[in-house]
Amino acid sequence: MKKYYLNLYHGTNESCSKQILESGFKLPTPKRDDHWLGEGVYFFREDEDQARIWGQNRYKGEKSKAVVLEANVTINAENYLDLDSRSGLAYFKEHTDNIEHTLETNGYKLKSDNPNKMRHLACGMLPVDYKVIKRTFEGNSSFDYHESLMMMKLKLNGVQVCIRDVSVIQEVKAV
């Protein structure tokens, strides 16, 4: 059986990091509709700096400093949806086609001007067997204004991982 071994980084603040280290990650409540890959706990894959900068931006102005937590996850292939792979995206296309067909059959049309909310909705309707979802997103950064990088169309990308079932997280430590 194929397995994936993920080294993940989560940006947070000092008080939240203490709670996580004591009692583990918890799924967010109340549910949020701004999560790009549906409900879950979000990480950057293999990029501690991305998590640190995200945490610094998120908690800017607070007394509590940004902290990065490292988590290790081993996941079976059937519980992992890689939206960067051809097979993963093909599955997701079929999944969204089924959602659209069901809606149209009942007289509704799936339409939104917000692609993040559309993706959030579709991810939220995935089978619960998918405990981990991965996708690379283009990010905004100071690199966007570097002339040579702009000419080469190089931008910073962040490999984001959404953990939908926190029981798959084996180990967490502060880095």
Protein backbone atom coordinates (compact mmCIF):
# COMPACT_ATOMS: atom_id res chain seq x y z
CA MET A 1 0.00 0.00 0.00
CA LYS A 2 1.43 3.37 -1.06
CA LYS A 3 1.99 5.90 1.72
CA TYR A 4 2.91 9.58 1.78
CA TYR A 5 5.25 11.01 4.41
CA LEU A 6 4.60 14.70 4.96
CA ASN A 7 6.74 17.19 6.82
CA LEU A 8 4.40 20.10 7.56
CA TYR A 9 4.65 23.55 9.15
CA HIS A 10 1.86 25.49 10.85
CA GLY A 11 2.16 29.19 11.68
CA THR A 12 0.34 30.33 14.82
CA ASN A 13 0.92 32.46 17.92
CA GLU A 14 2.48 31.63 21.29
CA SER A 15 -0.75 31.02 23.21
CA CYS A 16 -2.26 28.79 20.52
CA SER A 17 1.01 26.89 20.11
CA LYS A 18 1.04 26.06 23.83
CA GLN A 19 -2.51 24.71 23.62
CA ILE A 20 -1.68 22.66 20.53
CA LEU A 21 1.47 21.21 22.09
CA GLU A 22 -0.49 20.28 25.24
CA SER A 23 -3.65 18.84 23.70
CA GLY A 24 -3.08 18.52 19.95
CA PHE A 25 -4.63 20.20 16.94
CA LYS A 26 -8.39 20.75 16.87
CA LEU A 27 -10.52 21.41 13.82
CA PRO A 28 -11.59 25.07 13.69
CA THR A 29 -14.90 26.09 15.19
CA PRO A 30 -16.98 27.79 14.10
CA LYS A 31 -16.60 26.56 10.56
CA ARG A 32 -14.98 29.04 8.20
CA ASP A 33 -15.81 29.59 4.55
CA ASP A 34 -12.47 31.21 3.73
CA HIS A 35 -10.46 28.00 3.88
CA TRP A 36 -9.25 27.28 0.36
CA LEU A 37 -9.40 23.50 0.64
CA GLY A 38 -12.39 23.13 2.94
CA GLU A 39 -12.53 22.72 6.70
CA GLY A 40 -9.37 21.62 8.42
CA VAL A 41 -6.06 22.63 9.93
CA TYR A 42 -3.72 24.24 7.41
CA PHE A 43 0.00 23.69 6.93
CA PHE A 44 2.74 24.55 4.48
CA ARG A 45 4.54 21.50 3.18
CA GLU A 46 8.30 21.52 3.68
CA ASP A 47 8.51 25.31 4.05
CA GLU A 48 9.05 26.53 7.59
CA ASP A 49 9.70 30.09 6.37
CA GLN A 50 6.30 30.31 4.65
CA ALA A 51 4.58 29.26 7.87
CA ARG A 52 6.59 31.77 9.91
CA ILE A 53 5.81 34.67 7.57
CA TRP A 54 2.13 33.68 7.46
CA GLY A 55 2.07 33.64 11.28
CA GLN A 56 3.84 37.00 11.51
CA ASN A 57 1.36 38.59 9.09
CA ARG A 58 -1.65 36.94 10.77
CA TYR A 59 -0.69 37.97 14.30
CA LYS A 60 0.88 41.34 13.48
CA GLY A 61 0.21 43.86 16.22
CA GLU A 62 -0.57 41.24 18.86
CA LYS A 63 1.53 40.85 21.99
CA SER A 64 1.99 37.16 21.25
CA LYS A 65 4.78 36.36 18.77
CA ALA A 66 4.43 34.08 15.78
CA VAL A 67 5.45 30.47 16.37
CA VAL A 68 5.94 27.66 13.89
CA LEU A 69 4.95 24.10 14.71
CA GLU A 70 6.29 21.15 12.78
CA ALA A 71 4.02 18.15 12.27
CA ASN A 72 4.76 14.80 10.73
CA VAL A 73 2.04 12.88 8.95
CA THR A 74 2.03 9.46 7.35
CA ILE A 75 -1.04 8.92 5.21
CA ASN A 76 -2.24 6.07 3.00
CA ALA A 77 -2.66 7.02 -0.67
CA GLU A 78 -6.42 6.40 -0.60
CA ASN A 79 -6.80 9.05 2.14
CA TYR A 80 -4.68 11.68 0.36
CA LEU A 81 -5.98 13.94 -2.41
CA ASP A 82 -3.15 15.65 -4.28
CA LEU A 83 -4.72 18.42 -6.36
CA ASP A 84 -1.35 19.06 -7.99
CA SER A 85 -1.35 15.64 -9.64
CA ARG A 86 -3.12 14.74 -12.86
CA SER A 87 -5.04 11.91 -11.19
CA GLY A 88 -6.02 14.05 -8.21
CA LEU A 89 -7.28 16.89 -10.36
CA ALA A 90 -9.11 14.43 -12.65
CA TYR A 91 -10.89 12.98 -9.60
CA PHE A 92 -11.77 16.47 -8.35
CA LYS A 93 -13.13 17.42 -11.79
CA GLU A 94 -15.38 14.34 -11.75
CA HIS A 95 -16.45 15.21 -8.20
CA THR A 96 -17.40 18.78 -9.17
CA ASP A 97 -19.13 17.55 -12.34
CA ASN A 98 -21.28 15.30 -10.12
CA ILE A 99 -22.14 18.22 -7.83
CA GLU A 100 -23.13 20.38 -10.80
CA HIS A 101 -25.20 17.56 -12.33
CA THR A 102 -27.06 16.97 -9.05
CA LEU A 103 -27.81 20.68 -8.72
CA GLU A 104 -28.94 21.03 -12.33
CA THR A 105 -31.17 17.95 -12.00
CA ASN A 106 -32.91 19.76 -9.14
CA GLY A 107 -33.19 23.06 -11.02
CA TYR A 108 -30.16 24.86 -9.56
CA LYS A 109 -27.01 26.25 -11.12
CA LEU A 110 -23.63 26.37 -9.38
CA LYS A 111 -22.33 29.90 -9.84
CA SER A 112 -20.09 32.22 -7.87
CA ASP A 113 -17.67 35.05 -8.56
CA ASN A 114 -15.42 33.74 -5.78
CA PRO A 115 -13.27 30.75 -6.84
CA ASN A 116 -12.05 30.24 -3.25
CA LYS A 117 -15.60 29.77 -1.97
CA MET A 118 -16.44 27.44 -4.85
CA ARG A 119 -13.37 25.31 -4.10
CA HIS A 120 -14.19 25.39 -0.37
CA LEU A 121 -17.71 24.14 -1.10
CA ALA A 122 -16.52 21.35 -3.41
CA CYS A 123 -13.81 20.25 -0.95
CA GLY A 124 -16.36 20.20 1.84
CA MET A 125 -18.42 17.73 -0.18
CA LEU A 126 -15.55 15.26 -0.70
CA PRO A 127 -15.88 11.82 0.90
CA VAL A 128 -14.63 11.79 4.51
CA ASP A 129 -12.09 9.15 3.47
CA TYR A 130 -9.97 12.02 2.16
CA LYS A 131 -8.26 13.06 5.36
CA VAL A 132 -5.54 15.18 3.73
CA ILE A 133 -5.78 17.51 0.71
CA LYS A 134 -2.78 19.17 -0.93
CA ARG A 135 -2.59 22.00 -3.47
CA THR A 136 0.07 24.49 -4.54
CA PHE A 137 -1.11 28.10 -4.66
CA GLU A 138 0.61 31.15 -6.04
CA GLY A 139 1.26 33.61 -3.26
CA ASN A 140 1.99 37.30 -2.95
CA SER A 141 5.43 38.18 -1.65
CA SER A 142 8.27 40.66 -1.89
CA PHE A 143 9.63 38.54 -4.75
CA ASP A 144 6.77 39.85 -6.91
CA TYR A 145 8.63 43.16 -7.34
CA HIS A 146 12.04 41.82 -8.27
CA GLU A 147 12.63 42.78 -11.91
CA SER A 148 14.58 39.69 -12.97
CA LEU A 149 12.11 37.30 -11.32
CA MET A 150 9.20 39.18 -12.93
CA MET A 151 10.81 38.86 -16.37
CA MET A 152 11.15 35.11 -15.80
CA LYS A 153 7.57 34.90 -14.46
CA LEU A 154 8.79 33.37 -11.21
CA LYS A 155 6.56 33.85 -8.20
CA LEU A 156 6.53 32.32 -4.76
CA ASN A 157 4.25 29.32 -4.51
CA GLY A 158 3.08 27.74 -1.30
CA VAL A 159 2.29 24.07 -1.03
CA GLN A 160 -0.69 24.05 1.31
CA VAL A 161 -1.97 20.98 3.06
CA CYS A 162 -5.38 20.79 4.70
CA ILE A 163 -5.66 18.15 7.41
CA ARG A 164 -9.35 17.23 7.67
CA ASP A 165 -8.81 14.53 10.30
CA VAL A 166 -6.29 15.53 12.97
CA SER A 167 -5.86 11.92 14.08
CA VAL A 168 -3.41 11.47 11.16
CA ILE A 169 -0.89 13.83 12.82
CA GLN A 170 1.72 11.67 14.56
CA GLU A 171 4.13 14.19 16.04
CA VAL A 172 4.13 17.94 16.73
CA LYS A 173 6.95 20.12 17.99
CA ALA A 174 7.84 23.80 18.06
CA VAL A 175 10.67 24.82 15.72
